[in-house]
């Protein structure tokens, strides 16, 4: 089973939604994790919008990134620009990909307006995961989204 780590910085709603979606949709092929520079609880609005898809993420936590250093990962995905800037090197990672999504936690307005932002980001993440991971089931087939760029480290399987 391929291991996938989604990374975001301090505000991990995106990585938590990505972890939950990949696990629920493709859990038979992928083992999903999320991590951040700070371990956090899942955002309550992320829980609500994922529940609308029938995906339960309330028990998830974004783990501290340091926990995964040195662990073998097939794919490391940075889902926010701050994580891409850091572009962590994981010695055991076969591929690193960057797919940028806006931070729904930064949304302002009424609760319904904030939920709308969370839904848009959730749907964008889901569409990207379906396109990137839903094909043949091989991380060699993973491609960044239309606004994403590869952040491939030397020696990765996708280099060249």
C-alpha atoms as a PDB file:
ATOM      1  CA  UNK A   1       0.000   0.000   0.000  1.00  0.00           C
ATOM      2  CA  UNK A   2       1.382   3.425  -0.978  1.00  0.00           C
ATOM      3  CA  UNK A   3       1.924   5.889   1.876  1.00  0.00           C
ATOM      4  CA  UNK A   4       0.940   9.529   1.300  1.00  0.00           C
ATOM      5  CA  UNK A   5       1.749  12.434   3.610  1.00  0.00           C
ATOM      6  CA  UNK A   6      -0.114  15.744   3.189  1.00  0.00           C
ATOM      7  CA  UNK A   7       1.740  18.711   4.683  1.00  0.00           C
ATOM      8  CA  UNK A   8       0.596  22.190   5.539  1.00  0.00           C
ATOM      9  CA  UNK A   9       1.988  24.680   8.014  1.00  0.00           C
ATOM     10  CA  UNK A  10       0.298  25.851  11.206  1.00  0.00           C
ATOM     11  CA  UNK A  11      -3.250  25.889   9.811  1.00  0.00           C
ATOM     12  CA  UNK A  12      -3.834  22.311   8.765  1.00  0.00           C
ATOM     13  CA  UNK A  13      -7.473  22.230   7.602  1.00  0.00           C
ATOM     14  CA  UNK A  14      -6.336  21.526   4.028  1.00  0.00           C
ATOM     15  CA  UNK A  15      -4.060  18.624   4.923  1.00  0.00           C
ATOM     16  CA  UNK A  16      -6.701  17.165   7.243  1.00  0.00           C
ATOM     17  CA  UNK A  17      -9.409  17.322   4.568  1.00  0.00           C
ATOM     18  CA  UNK A  18      -6.988  15.783   2.054  1.00  0.00           C
ATOM     19  CA  UNK A  19      -6.063  12.981   4.445  1.00  0.00           C
ATOM     20  CA  UNK A  20      -9.714  12.228   5.196  1.00  0.00           C
ATOM     21  CA  UNK A  21     -10.763  12.291   1.558  1.00  0.00           C
ATOM     22  CA  UNK A  22      -7.913  10.092   0.321  1.00  0.00           C
ATOM     23  CA  UNK A  23      -8.490   7.617   3.133  1.00  0.00           C
ATOM     24  CA  UNK A  24     -12.258   7.454   2.534  1.00  0.00           C
ATOM     25  CA  UNK A  25     -12.105   7.315  -1.255  1.00  0.00           C
ATOM     26  CA  UNK A  26      -8.914   5.359  -1.945  1.00  0.00           C
ATOM     27  CA  UNK A  27      -8.055   3.759   1.386  1.00  0.00           C
ATOM     28  CA  UNK A  28      -7.638   0.383  -0.249  1.00  0.00           C
ATOM     29  CA  UNK A  29      -4.654   1.667  -2.222  1.00  0.00           C
ATOM     30  CA  UNK A  30      -3.240   4.460  -0.063  1.00  0.00           C
ATOM     31  CA  UNK A  31      -2.415   5.000   3.576  1.00  0.00           C
ATOM     32  CA  UNK A  32      -2.929   8.715   4.269  1.00  0.00           C
ATOM     33  CA  UNK A  33      -1.408  10.996   6.912  1.00  0.00           C
ATOM     34  CA  UNK A  34      -1.412  14.732   7.539  1.00  0.00           C
ATOM     35  CA  UNK A  35       1.220  16.801   9.268  1.00  0.00           C
ATOM     36  CA  UNK A  36       2.012  20.406  10.015  1.00  0.00           C
ATOM     37  CA  UNK A  37       4.665  22.489  11.636  1.00  0.00           C
ATOM     38  CA  UNK A  38       2.421  22.402  14.713  1.00  0.00           C
ATOM     39  CA  UNK A  39       0.162  19.494  15.660  1.00  0.00           C
ATOM     40  CA  UNK A  40      -3.460  20.681  15.606  1.00  0.00           C
ATOM     41  CA  UNK A  41      -6.993  19.482  16.099  1.00  0.00           C
ATOM     42  CA  UNK A  42      -9.171  19.316  13.031  1.00  0.00           C
ATOM     43  CA  UNK A  43     -11.017  22.560  12.267  1.00  0.00           C
ATOM     44  CA  UNK A  44     -14.738  22.284  13.201  1.00  0.00           C
ATOM     45  CA  UNK A  45     -15.879  23.679   9.849  1.00  0.00           C
ATOM     46  CA  UNK A  46     -13.700  21.146   8.038  1.00  0.00           C
ATOM     47  CA  UNK A  47     -15.447  18.422  10.042  1.00  0.00           C
ATOM     48  CA  UNK A  48     -18.834  19.778   8.953  1.00  0.00           C
ATOM     49  CA  UNK A  49     -18.085  20.051   5.235  1.00  0.00           C
ATOM     50  CA  UNK A  50     -16.436  16.638   5.095  1.00  0.00           C
ATOM     51  CA  UNK A  51     -19.464  15.143   6.880  1.00  0.00           C
ATOM     52  CA  UNK A  52     -21.573  16.484   3.999  1.00  0.00           C
ATOM     53  CA  UNK A  53     -19.692  13.954   1.829  1.00  0.00           C
ATOM     54  CA  UNK A  54     -20.184  11.215   4.413  1.00  0.00           C
ATOM     55  CA  UNK A  55     -16.552  11.414   5.554  1.00  0.00           C
ATOM     56  CA  UNK A  56     -15.844  11.511   9.288  1.00  0.00           C
ATOM     57  CA  UNK A  57     -12.670  13.403  10.196  1.00  0.00           C
ATOM     58  CA  UNK A  58     -13.470  14.641  13.711  1.00  0.00           C
ATOM     59  CA  UNK A  59     -11.047  12.149  15.256  1.00  0.00           C
ATOM     60  CA  UNK A  60      -8.128  13.172  13.030  1.00  0.00           C
ATOM     61  CA  UNK A  61      -5.186  15.234  14.190  1.00  0.00           C
ATOM     62  CA  UNK A  62      -2.536  16.869  12.143  1.00  0.00           C
ATOM     63  CA  UNK A  63       0.630  15.407  13.559  1.00  0.00           C
ATOM     64  CA  UNK A  64       3.857  17.298  14.097  1.00  0.00           C
ATOM     65  CA  UNK A  65       5.969  17.133  10.950  1.00  0.00           C
ATOM     66  CA  UNK A  66       8.987  15.962  12.925  1.00  0.00           C
ATOM     67  CA  UNK A  67       7.208  12.683  13.642  1.00  0.00           C
ATOM     68  CA  UNK A  68       7.566  11.687   9.982  1.00  0.00           C
ATOM     69  CA  UNK A  69      11.194  12.659   9.375  1.00  0.00           C
ATOM     70  CA  UNK A  70      13.032   9.517   8.331  1.00  0.00           C
ATOM     71  CA  UNK A  71       9.843   7.508   7.687  1.00  0.00           C
ATOM     72  CA  UNK A  72       9.407   6.040   4.237  1.00  0.00           C
ATOM     73  CA  UNK A  73       6.692   7.786   2.223  1.00  0.00           C
ATOM     74  CA  UNK A  74       5.760   7.100  -1.361  1.00  0.00           C
ATOM     75  CA  UNK A  75       4.352  10.576  -1.949  1.00  0.00           C
ATOM     76  CA  UNK A  76       4.674  13.786   0.058  1.00  0.00           C
ATOM     77  CA  UNK A  77       2.160  16.466  -0.957  1.00  0.00           C
ATOM     78  CA  UNK A  78       2.488  20.059   0.201  1.00  0.00           C
ATOM     79  CA  UNK A  79      -0.992  21.596   0.112  1.00  0.00           C
ATOM     80  CA  UNK A  80      -0.124  25.174   1.061  1.00  0.00           C
ATOM     81  CA  UNK A  81       2.427  27.612  -0.300  1.00  0.00           C
ATOM     82  CA  UNK A  82       4.206  28.046   3.043  1.00  0.00           C
ATOM     83  CA  UNK A  83       4.892  24.300   3.142  1.00  0.00           C
ATOM     84  CA  UNK A  84       6.192  24.421  -0.426  1.00  0.00           C
ATOM     85  CA  UNK A  85       8.580  27.232   0.482  1.00  0.00           C
ATOM     86  CA  UNK A  86      10.028  24.999   3.162  1.00  0.00           C
ATOM     87  CA  UNK A  87       9.827  22.106   0.638  1.00  0.00           C
ATOM     88  CA  UNK A  88      10.891  19.545   3.197  1.00  0.00           C
ATOM     89  CA  UNK A  89      13.287  16.852   2.122  1.00  0.00           C
ATOM     90  CA  UNK A  90      12.129  13.438   3.220  1.00  0.00           C
ATOM     91  CA  UNK A  91      14.943  10.936   2.656  1.00  0.00           C
ATOM     92  CA  UNK A  92      12.409   8.122   2.347  1.00  0.00           C
ATOM     93  CA  UNK A  93      10.039  10.008  -0.008  1.00  0.00           C
ATOM     94  CA  UNK A  94       9.888   8.653  -3.534  1.00  0.00           C
ATOM     95  CA  UNK A  95       8.040  11.713  -4.860  1.00  0.00           C
ATOM     96  CA  UNK A  96       7.148  15.179  -3.616  1.00  0.00           C
ATOM     97  CA  UNK A  97       4.374  17.199  -5.243  1.00  0.00           C
ATOM     98  CA  UNK A  98       2.998  20.666  -4.509  1.00  0.00           C
ATOM     99  CA  UNK A  99      -0.692  21.411  -4.982  1.00  0.00           C
ATOM    100  CA  UNK A 100      -1.704  24.798  -3.594  1.00  0.00           C
ATOM    101  CA  UNK A 101      -5.126  25.353  -2.070  1.00  0.00           C
ATOM    102  CA  UNK A 102      -6.373  28.526  -0.353  1.00  0.00           C
ATOM    103  CA  UNK A 103      -6.586  28.502   3.451  1.00  0.00           C
ATOM    104  CA  UNK A 104     -10.288  28.155   4.333  1.00  0.00           C
ATOM    105  CA  UNK A 105      -9.478  28.931   7.977  1.00  0.00           C
ATOM    106  CA  UNK A 106      -8.682  32.495   6.904  1.00  0.00           C
ATOM    107  CA  UNK A 107     -12.240  33.046   5.658  1.00  0.00           C
ATOM    108  CA  UNK A 108     -14.231  35.806   7.311  1.00  0.00           C
ATOM    109  CA  UNK A 109     -17.902  36.625   7.411  1.00  0.00           C
ATOM    110  CA  UNK A 110     -20.913  34.772   8.674  1.00  0.00           C
ATOM    111  CA  UNK A 111     -20.703  31.088   9.489  1.00  0.00           C
ATOM    112  CA  UNK A 112     -22.517  30.277   6.240  1.00  0.00           C
ATOM    113  CA  UNK A 113     -20.043  32.395   4.234  1.00  0.00           C
ATOM    114  CA  UNK A 114     -17.124  30.638   5.932  1.00  0.00           C
ATOM    115  CA  UNK A 115     -18.734  27.240   5.279  1.00  0.00           C
ATOM    116  CA  UNK A 116     -19.004  28.174   1.604  1.00  0.00           C
ATOM    117  CA  UNK A 117     -15.252  28.820   1.486  1.00  0.00           C
ATOM    118  CA  UNK A 118     -14.557  25.491   3.210  1.00  0.00           C
ATOM    119  CA  UNK A 119     -16.804  23.716   0.681  1.00  0.00           C
ATOM    120  CA  UNK A 120     -14.995  25.269  -2.282  1.00  0.00           C
ATOM    121  CA  UNK A 121     -11.588  24.260  -0.905  1.00  0.00           C
ATOM    122  CA  UNK A 122     -12.895  20.772  -0.031  1.00  0.00           C
ATOM    123  CA  UNK A 123     -14.231  20.314  -3.555  1.00  0.00           C
ATOM    124  CA  UNK A 124     -10.961  21.544  -5.099  1.00  0.00           C
ATOM    125  CA  UNK A 125      -8.966  19.134  -2.928  1.00  0.00           C
ATOM    126  CA  UNK A 126     -11.322  16.262  -3.753  1.00  0.00           C
ATOM    127  CA  UNK A 127     -11.113  16.960  -7.503  1.00  0.00           C
ATOM    128  CA  UNK A 128      -7.319  17.111  -7.372  1.00  0.00           C
ATOM    129  CA  UNK A 129      -7.084  13.887  -5.356  1.00  0.00           C
ATOM    130  CA  UNK A 130      -9.476  12.116  -7.751  1.00  0.00           C
ATOM    131  CA  UNK A 131      -7.373  13.231 -10.715  1.00  0.00           C
ATOM    132  CA  UNK A 132      -4.002  12.554  -9.093  1.00  0.00           C
ATOM    133  CA  UNK A 133      -4.674   9.361  -7.146  1.00  0.00           C
ATOM    134  CA  UNK A 134      -7.806   7.918  -8.711  1.00  0.00           C
ATOM    135  CA  UNK A 135      -6.219   6.565 -11.883  1.00  0.00           C
ATOM    136  CA  UNK A 136      -4.141   3.446 -12.087  1.00  0.00           C
ATOM    137  CA  UNK A 137      -3.307   3.576  -8.396  1.00  0.00           C
ATOM    138  CA  UNK A 138       0.405   4.157  -8.868  1.00  0.00           C
ATOM    139  CA  UNK A 139       2.175   7.183  -7.479  1.00  0.00           C
ATOM    140  CA  UNK A 140       4.135   7.312 -10.744  1.00  0.00           C
ATOM    141  CA  UNK A 141       0.897   8.551 -12.317  1.00  0.00           C
ATOM    142  CA  UNK A 142       0.455  11.446  -9.875  1.00  0.00           C
ATOM    143  CA  UNK A 143       0.538  14.843 -11.494  1.00  0.00           C
ATOM    144  CA  UNK A 144       0.136  18.243  -9.875  1.00  0.00           C
ATOM    145  CA  UNK A 145      -3.079  20.147 -10.490  1.00  0.00           C
ATOM    146  CA  UNK A 146      -3.336  22.902 -13.107  1.00  0.00           C
ATOM    147  CA  UNK A 147      -2.080  25.582 -10.701  1.00  0.00           C
ATOM    148  CA  UNK A 148       0.416  23.325  -8.988  1.00  0.00           C
ATOM    149  CA  UNK A 149       4.096  22.834  -9.610  1.00  0.00           C
ATOM    150  CA  UNK A 150       6.319  19.877  -8.949  1.00  0.00           C
ATOM    151  CA  UNK A 151       8.639  20.228  -6.017  1.00  0.00           C
ATOM    152  CA  UNK A 152      10.723  17.209  -6.869  1.00  0.00           C
ATOM    153  CA  UNK A 153      13.890  16.579  -4.954  1.00  0.00           C
ATOM    154  CA  UNK A 154      16.943  15.029  -6.627  1.00  0.00           C
ATOM    155  CA  UNK A 155      16.697  11.267  -6.864  1.00  0.00           C
ATOM    156  CA  UNK A 156      12.894  11.136  -6.733  1.00  0.00           C
ATOM    157  CA  UNK A 157      11.076   8.767  -9.048  1.00  0.00           C
ATOM    158  CA  UNK A 158       9.478  11.681 -10.923  1.00  0.00           C
ATOM    159  CA  UNK A 159      12.699  13.534 -11.647  1.00  0.00           C
ATOM    160  CA  UNK A 160      13.529  14.274 -15.274  1.00  0.00           C
END
